[in-house]
Amino acid sequence: MSRRIPKAPAVFAALGDETRLSILVRLSQGRRSSISQLTEGTKLTRQAVTKHLLVLEKAGVVHRTRAGRECVFEFDPRPLTAARSYLDQISQQWDAALDRLKSYVEQPSGFRAAR
């Protein structure tokens, strides 16, 4: 692979959990939110939301800042864009490999090596 994305595995792991994904969807709507705000309307405790936010923060898809006595979290799309680029690269490699296989299989039988 010509280009490695060092954070891609952490991003994929972070998004692999339904709760973290739902938290990220809420944050991706453009509003910075506190842990209390992210807990509202869910069955999650503040501690559970905090643990999920730490995983998302470690993956780089959210950032925290202080607002008075509270921490607020906001979405950062850059790691997702990089992970998407990584997936696009892998997809292109697979497409090229499948095209080569198709060309080989569709060759007239006289051009294939004898078995």
Protein backbone atom coordinates (compact mmCIF):
# COMPACT_ATOMS: atom_id res chain seq x y z
CA MET A 1 0.00 0.00 0.00
CA SER A 2 1.54 3.26 -1.06
CA ARG A 3 -0.01 5.43 1.64
CA ARG A 4 -0.67 4.47 5.25
CA ILE A 5 -3.14 6.31 7.44
CA PRO A 6 -1.85 5.83 11.00
CA LYS A 7 -5.11 6.83 12.71
CA ALA A 8 -7.41 4.86 10.42
CA PRO A 9 -7.57 1.76 12.67
CA ALA A 10 -8.47 3.90 15.70
CA VAL A 11 -11.16 5.70 13.68
CA PHE A 12 -12.64 2.41 12.44
CA ALA A 13 -12.58 0.95 15.97
CA ALA A 14 -14.20 4.06 17.43
CA LEU A 15 -16.97 4.02 14.84
CA GLY A 16 -17.53 0.29 15.29
CA ASP A 17 -19.54 0.86 18.46
CA GLU A 18 -23.19 1.88 18.05
CA THR A 19 -23.16 4.18 21.08
CA ARG A 20 -20.04 6.04 19.97
CA LEU A 21 -21.45 6.34 16.48
CA SER A 22 -24.67 7.87 17.83
CA ILE A 23 -22.67 10.33 19.95
CA LEU A 24 -20.63 11.29 16.90
CA VAL A 25 -23.78 11.78 14.82
CA ARG A 26 -25.13 14.16 17.46
CA LEU A 27 -21.86 16.10 17.50
CA SER A 28 -21.65 16.18 13.71
CA GLN A 29 -24.80 18.31 13.59
CA GLY A 30 -22.58 21.30 14.21
CA ARG A 31 -23.13 22.08 17.87
CA ARG A 32 -20.50 21.74 20.53
CA SER A 33 -21.96 19.78 23.42
CA SER A 34 -21.15 19.05 27.02
CA ILE A 35 -21.30 15.60 28.56
CA SER A 36 -24.58 16.57 30.22
CA GLN A 37 -26.07 17.61 26.88
CA LEU A 38 -24.90 14.39 25.23
CA THR A 39 -26.42 12.35 28.06
CA GLU A 40 -29.83 14.02 27.79
CA GLY A 41 -32.48 11.87 26.17
CA THR A 42 -30.44 8.68 26.44
CA LYS A 43 -30.26 5.83 28.92
CA LEU A 44 -26.52 6.39 29.29
CA THR A 45 -24.83 7.65 32.43
CA ARG A 46 -22.43 10.58 32.34
CA GLN A 47 -19.62 8.13 33.08
CA ALA A 48 -20.53 5.97 30.08
CA VAL A 49 -20.70 8.99 27.77
CA THR A 50 -17.36 10.17 29.13
CA LYS A 51 -15.72 6.81 28.37
CA HIS A 52 -17.10 6.82 24.82
CA LEU A 53 -15.98 10.42 24.28
CA LEU A 54 -12.45 9.50 25.38
CA VAL A 55 -12.31 6.79 22.71
CA LEU A 56 -13.60 9.23 20.08
CA GLU A 57 -11.10 11.84 21.26
CA LYS A 58 -8.22 9.36 21.08
CA ALA A 59 -9.26 8.57 17.49
CA GLY A 60 -9.19 12.31 16.79
CA VAL A 61 -12.80 12.65 15.65
CA VAL A 62 -13.78 14.87 18.58
CA HIS A 63 -11.93 17.58 20.46
CA ARG A 64 -12.63 18.98 23.88
CA THR A 65 -12.35 22.53 25.11
CA ARG A 66 -13.21 24.09 28.42
CA ALA A 67 -16.23 26.34 28.72
CA GLY A 68 -16.22 27.59 32.27
CA ARG A 69 -16.38 24.57 34.56
CA GLU A 70 -17.52 22.20 31.81
CA CYS A 71 -15.76 20.48 28.97
CA VAL A 72 -17.48 20.74 25.64
CA PHE A 73 -16.84 18.41 22.74
CA GLU A 74 -16.97 19.11 19.04
CA PHE A 75 -16.72 16.99 15.93
CA ASP A 76 -13.59 17.03 13.76
CA PRO A 77 -14.22 15.47 10.33
CA ARG A 78 -10.56 15.35 9.25
CA PRO A 79 -9.80 11.83 10.54
CA LEU A 80 -12.97 10.55 8.82
CA THR A 81 -11.88 12.18 5.58
CA ALA A 82 -8.46 10.54 5.88
CA ALA A 83 -10.06 7.14 6.65
CA ARG A 84 -12.36 7.56 3.65
CA SER A 85 -9.35 8.30 1.47
CA TYR A 86 -7.72 5.13 2.80
CA LEU A 87 -10.82 3.08 1.95
CA ASP A 88 -10.97 4.65 -1.53
CA GLN A 89 -7.35 3.65 -2.11
CA ILE A 90 -8.05 0.05 -1.07
CA SER A 91 -11.16 0.00 -3.26
CA GLN A 92 -9.16 1.16 -6.28
CA GLN A 93 -6.59 -1.56 -5.66
CA TRP A 94 -9.31 -4.22 -5.49
CA ASP A 95 -10.96 -2.87 -8.64
CA ALA A 96 -7.64 -3.05 -10.49
CA ALA A 97 -7.01 -6.60 -9.25
CA LEU A 98 -10.49 -7.72 -10.32
CA ASP A 99 -10.02 -6.10 -13.74
CA ARG A 100 -6.75 -8.01 -14.19
CA LEU A 101 -8.45 -11.25 -13.17
CA LYS A 102 -11.33 -10.60 -15.56
CA SER A 103 -8.91 -9.92 -18.42
CA TYR A 104 -7.03 -13.12 -17.67
CA VAL A 105 -10.17 -15.26 -17.44
CA GLU A 106 -11.64 -13.81 -20.63
CA GLN A 107 -8.51 -14.40 -22.70
CA PRO A 108 -8.89 -16.85 -25.58
CA SER A 109 -7.85 -20.28 -24.33
CA GLY A 110 -4.85 -20.38 -26.67
CA PHE A 111 -3.14 -17.58 -24.73
CA ARG A 112 -3.40 -19.20 -21.30
CA ALA A 113 -0.63 -21.32 -19.96
CA ALA A 114 -1.29 -25.05 -20.25
CA ARG A 115 -2.34 -26.78 -17.05
